[in-house]
C-alpha atoms as a PDB file:
ATOM      1  CA  MET A   1     -59.881 -61.985 -71.551  1.00  0.00           C
ATOM      2  CA  LEU A   2     -56.481 -62.889 -70.339  1.00  0.00           C
ATOM      3  CA  ILE A   3     -55.125 -66.089 -69.143  1.00  0.00           C
ATOM      4  CA  ALA A   4     -52.624 -66.856 -66.539  1.00  0.00           C
ATOM      5  CA  TYR A   5     -51.343 -69.446 -64.256  1.00  0.00           C
ATOM      6  CA  GLY A   6     -49.029 -69.337 -61.291  1.00  0.00           C
ATOM      7  CA  VAL A   7     -47.209 -71.373 -58.756  1.00  0.00           C
ATOM      8  CA  VAL A   8     -46.899 -69.821 -55.347  1.00  0.00           C
ATOM      9  CA  ASP A   9     -46.048 -70.725 -51.811  1.00  0.00           C
ATOM     10  CA  ALA A  10     -47.627 -69.319 -48.680  1.00  0.00           C
ATOM     11  CA  VAL A  11     -45.275 -66.321 -48.543  1.00  0.00           C
ATOM     12  CA  GLY A  12     -47.309 -63.204 -49.093  1.00  0.00           C
ATOM     13  CA  TYR A  13     -49.131 -63.686 -52.383  1.00  0.00           C
ATOM     14  CA  ALA A  14     -50.808 -67.046 -51.978  1.00  0.00           C
ATOM     15  CA  GLN A  15     -52.130 -69.350 -49.345  1.00  0.00           C
ATOM     16  CA  ALA A  16     -51.873 -73.126 -49.421  1.00  0.00           C
ATOM     17  CA  GLN A  17     -55.296 -74.773 -49.194  1.00  0.00           C
ATOM     18  CA  ASN A  18     -53.659 -77.994 -48.008  1.00  0.00           C
ATOM     19  CA  PRO A  19     -50.102 -79.338 -48.166  1.00  0.00           C
ATOM     20  CA  LEU A  20     -50.522 -80.379 -51.822  1.00  0.00           C
ATOM     21  CA  THR A  21     -52.409 -77.385 -53.247  1.00  0.00           C
ATOM     22  CA  ILE A  22     -50.945 -73.945 -53.892  1.00  0.00           C
ATOM     23  CA  ILE A  23     -53.020 -70.959 -55.045  1.00  0.00           C
ATOM     24  CA  ALA A  24     -51.756 -67.897 -56.928  1.00  0.00           C
ATOM     25  CA  PRO A  25     -53.400 -64.716 -58.209  1.00  0.00           C
ATOM     26  CA  VAL A  26     -53.440 -64.269 -61.994  1.00  0.00           C
ATOM     27  CA  SER A  27     -54.386 -61.369 -64.236  1.00  0.00           C
ATOM     28  CA  GLY A  28     -53.983 -60.136 -67.749  1.00  0.00           C
ATOM     29  CA  GLN A  29     -55.377 -58.302 -70.707  1.00  0.00           C
ATOM     30  CA  THR A  30     -55.486 -58.247 -74.462  1.00  0.00           C
ATOM     31  CA  VAL A  31     -52.704 -56.243 -76.081  1.00  0.00           C
ATOM     32  CA  ASP A  32     -55.286 -53.709 -77.308  1.00  0.00           C
ATOM     33  CA  GLY A  33     -56.561 -53.349 -73.714  1.00  0.00           C
ATOM     34  CA  THR A  34     -60.212 -54.048 -74.542  1.00  0.00           C
ATOM     35  CA  LEU A  35     -60.577 -57.221 -72.518  1.00  0.00           C
ATOM     36  CA  SER A  36     -59.067 -58.173 -69.158  1.00  0.00           C
ATOM     37  CA  PHE A  37     -59.127 -61.145 -66.825  1.00  0.00           C
ATOM     38  CA  SER A  38     -58.530 -61.661 -63.121  1.00  0.00           C
ATOM     39  CA  GLY A  39     -58.706 -64.779 -61.044  1.00  0.00           C
ATOM     40  CA  THR A  40     -56.690 -67.505 -59.375  1.00  0.00           C
ATOM     41  CA  ALA A  41     -54.699 -70.545 -60.347  1.00  0.00           C
ATOM     42  CA  SER A  42     -54.540 -73.639 -58.189  1.00  0.00           C
ATOM     43  CA  VAL A  43     -51.795 -76.205 -58.726  1.00  0.00           C
ATOM     44  CA  ASN A  44     -51.056 -79.600 -57.223  1.00  0.00           C
ATOM     45  CA  SER A  45     -47.446 -79.484 -56.044  1.00  0.00           C
ATOM     46  CA  ILE A  46     -46.859 -83.157 -56.932  1.00  0.00           C
ATOM     47  CA  THR A  47     -48.469 -83.490 -60.372  1.00  0.00           C
ATOM     48  CA  ARG A  48     -47.691 -79.871 -61.383  1.00  0.00           C
ATOM     49  CA  ARG A  49     -51.138 -79.670 -62.971  1.00  0.00           C
ATOM     50  CA  GLY A  50     -53.741 -77.159 -62.022  1.00  0.00           C
ATOM     51  CA  THR A  51     -56.867 -75.215 -62.777  1.00  0.00           C
ATOM     52  CA  ILE A  52     -57.603 -71.563 -63.468  1.00  0.00           C
ATOM     53  CA  SER A  53     -60.811 -69.743 -62.610  1.00  0.00           C
ATOM     54  CA  GLY A  54     -61.919 -66.147 -62.725  1.00  0.00           C
ATOM     55  CA  GLN A  55     -63.823 -63.725 -64.877  1.00  0.00           C
ATOM     56  CA  THR A  56     -63.381 -61.068 -67.518  1.00  0.00           C
ATOM     57  CA  ASN A  57     -63.994 -57.369 -67.004  1.00  0.00           C
ATOM     58  CA  ALA A  58     -67.396 -57.977 -68.685  1.00  0.00           C
ATOM     59  CA  GLY A  59     -68.335 -60.542 -65.993  1.00  0.00           C
ATOM     60  CA  VAL A  60     -67.932 -63.648 -68.178  1.00  0.00           C
ATOM     61  CA  GLU A  61     -66.849 -66.729 -66.199  1.00  0.00           C
ATOM     62  CA  CYS A  62     -63.502 -68.275 -67.196  1.00  0.00           C
ATOM     63  CA  ARG A  63     -62.163 -71.791 -66.586  1.00  0.00           C
ATOM     64  CA  GLY A  64     -58.954 -73.425 -67.709  1.00  0.00           C
ATOM     65  CA  THR A  65     -56.093 -75.796 -67.034  1.00  0.00           C
ATOM     66  CA  ALA A  66     -52.334 -75.427 -66.904  1.00  0.00           C
ATOM     67  CA  THR A  67     -49.173 -77.396 -66.319  1.00  0.00           C
ATOM     68  CA  VAL A  68     -45.920 -76.065 -64.913  1.00  0.00           C
ATOM     69  CA  ASN A  69     -42.353 -77.320 -64.949  1.00  0.00           C
ATOM     70  CA  ILE A  70     -40.939 -75.947 -61.700  1.00  0.00           C
ATOM     71  CA  THR A  71     -37.398 -77.078 -62.516  1.00  0.00           C
ATOM     72  CA  PHE A  72     -37.257 -74.977 -65.679  1.00  0.00           C
ATOM     73  CA  SER A  73     -39.715 -72.289 -64.460  1.00  0.00           C
ATOM     74  CA  HIS A  74     -42.105 -72.400 -67.411  1.00  0.00           C
ATOM     75  CA  GLY A  75     -45.522 -73.751 -68.285  1.00  0.00           C
ATOM     76  CA  GLU A  76     -48.478 -73.727 -70.634  1.00  0.00           C
ATOM     77  CA  GLY A  77     -52.237 -73.968 -70.553  1.00  0.00           C
ATOM     78  CA  THR A  78     -55.637 -73.226 -72.020  1.00  0.00           C
ATOM     79  CA  ILE A  79     -58.601 -71.189 -70.857  1.00  0.00           C
ATOM     80  CA  VAL A  80     -62.182 -70.638 -72.018  1.00  0.00           C
ATOM     81  CA  CYS A  81     -64.194 -67.489 -71.301  1.00  0.00           C
ATOM     82  CA  GLY A  82     -67.642 -67.658 -72.854  1.00  0.00           C
ATOM     83  CA  GLN A  83     -67.139 -68.209 -76.581  1.00  0.00           C
ATOM     84  CA  LEU A  84     -63.461 -67.200 -76.534  1.00  0.00           C
ATOM     85  CA  SER A  85     -60.640 -69.605 -75.816  1.00  0.00           C
ATOM     86  CA  SER A  86     -56.890 -69.243 -75.628  1.00  0.00           C
ATOM     87  CA  ARG A  87     -53.685 -71.208 -75.427  1.00  0.00           C
ATOM     88  CA  PHE A  88     -50.809 -69.606 -73.536  1.00  0.00           C
ATOM     89  CA  VAL A  89     -47.250 -70.084 -72.319  1.00  0.00           C
ATOM     90  CA  PHE A  90     -45.560 -68.448 -69.352  1.00  0.00           C
ATOM     91  CA  SER A  91     -42.252 -68.127 -67.530  1.00  0.00           C
ATOM     92  CA  LEU A  92     -41.664 -67.664 -63.834  1.00  0.00           C
ATOM     93  CA  THR A  93     -39.078 -65.045 -62.932  1.00  0.00           C
ATOM     94  CA  SER A  94     -39.312 -65.831 -59.225  1.00  0.00           C
ATOM     95  CA  ARG A  95     -40.564 -68.832 -57.298  1.00  0.00           C
ATOM     96  CA  ARG A  96     -40.679 -67.208 -53.843  1.00  0.00           C
ATOM     97  CA  PRO A  97     -42.741 -65.156 -54.031  1.00  0.00           C
ATOM     98  CA  PRO A  98     -43.929 -66.516 -57.344  1.00  0.00           C
ATOM     99  CA  ALA A  99     -44.007 -64.031 -60.165  1.00  0.00           C
ATOM    100  CA  GLY A 100     -43.942 -64.266 -63.903  1.00  0.00           C
ATOM    101  CA  THR A 101     -45.326 -63.280 -67.257  1.00  0.00           C
ATOM    102  CA  GLY A 102     -46.709 -64.961 -70.311  1.00  0.00           C
ATOM    103  CA  THR A 103     -48.369 -64.570 -73.683  1.00  0.00           C
ATOM    104  CA  GLY A 104     -51.136 -66.209 -75.638  1.00  0.00           C
ATOM    105  CA  THR A 105     -53.516 -65.879 -78.549  1.00  0.00           C
ATOM    106  CA  LEU A 106     -57.301 -65.777 -78.305  1.00  0.00           C
ATOM    107  CA  SER A 107     -59.462 -67.810 -80.660  1.00  0.00           C
ATOM    108  CA  ASP A 108     -60.383 -64.521 -82.403  1.00  0.00           C
ATOM    109  CA  GLY A 109     -56.692 -63.789 -83.108  1.00  0.00           C
ATOM    110  CA  ARG A 110     -56.022 -61.113 -80.492  1.00  0.00           C
ATOM    111  CA  LYS A 111     -52.788 -61.379 -78.509  1.00  0.00           C
ATOM    112  CA  VAL A 112     -52.879 -61.479 -74.718  1.00  0.00           C
ATOM    113  CA  MET A 113     -50.373 -60.708 -71.975  1.00  0.00           C
ATOM    114  CA  LEU A 114     -50.539 -62.261 -68.530  1.00  0.00           C
ATOM    115  CA  ARG A 115     -49.102 -61.734 -65.094  1.00  0.00           C
ATOM    116  CA  ILE A 116     -48.615 -64.212 -62.270  1.00  0.00           C
ATOM    117  CA  GLY A 117     -48.343 -62.932 -58.723  1.00  0.00           C
ATOM    118  CA  GLN A 118     -48.967 -59.396 -57.548  1.00  0.00           C
END
């Protein structure tokens, strides 16, 4: 399982659902490569809070939340996939198109890497 969160505008990698909601693709994997995640993050452009949804490579549904500080281009969040959970932090290297990376630790101790954008 990997966790991720992103902030994106409607330039290429994401499409706005409405003027206040921005959606970004997210993906990641454990450092050992045994578990991966893919999905989307949706963030409210005013509150800077959002949700994450997707699934692992084993088909387990994942749900989480995240917050982002656009001014300083970083954020944090949590995600749960089945019986595993994780906390993570990330940094955006680009806002348009949004792109970034992050790291986290699963509840079983494995380290995870994440990617925001394509």
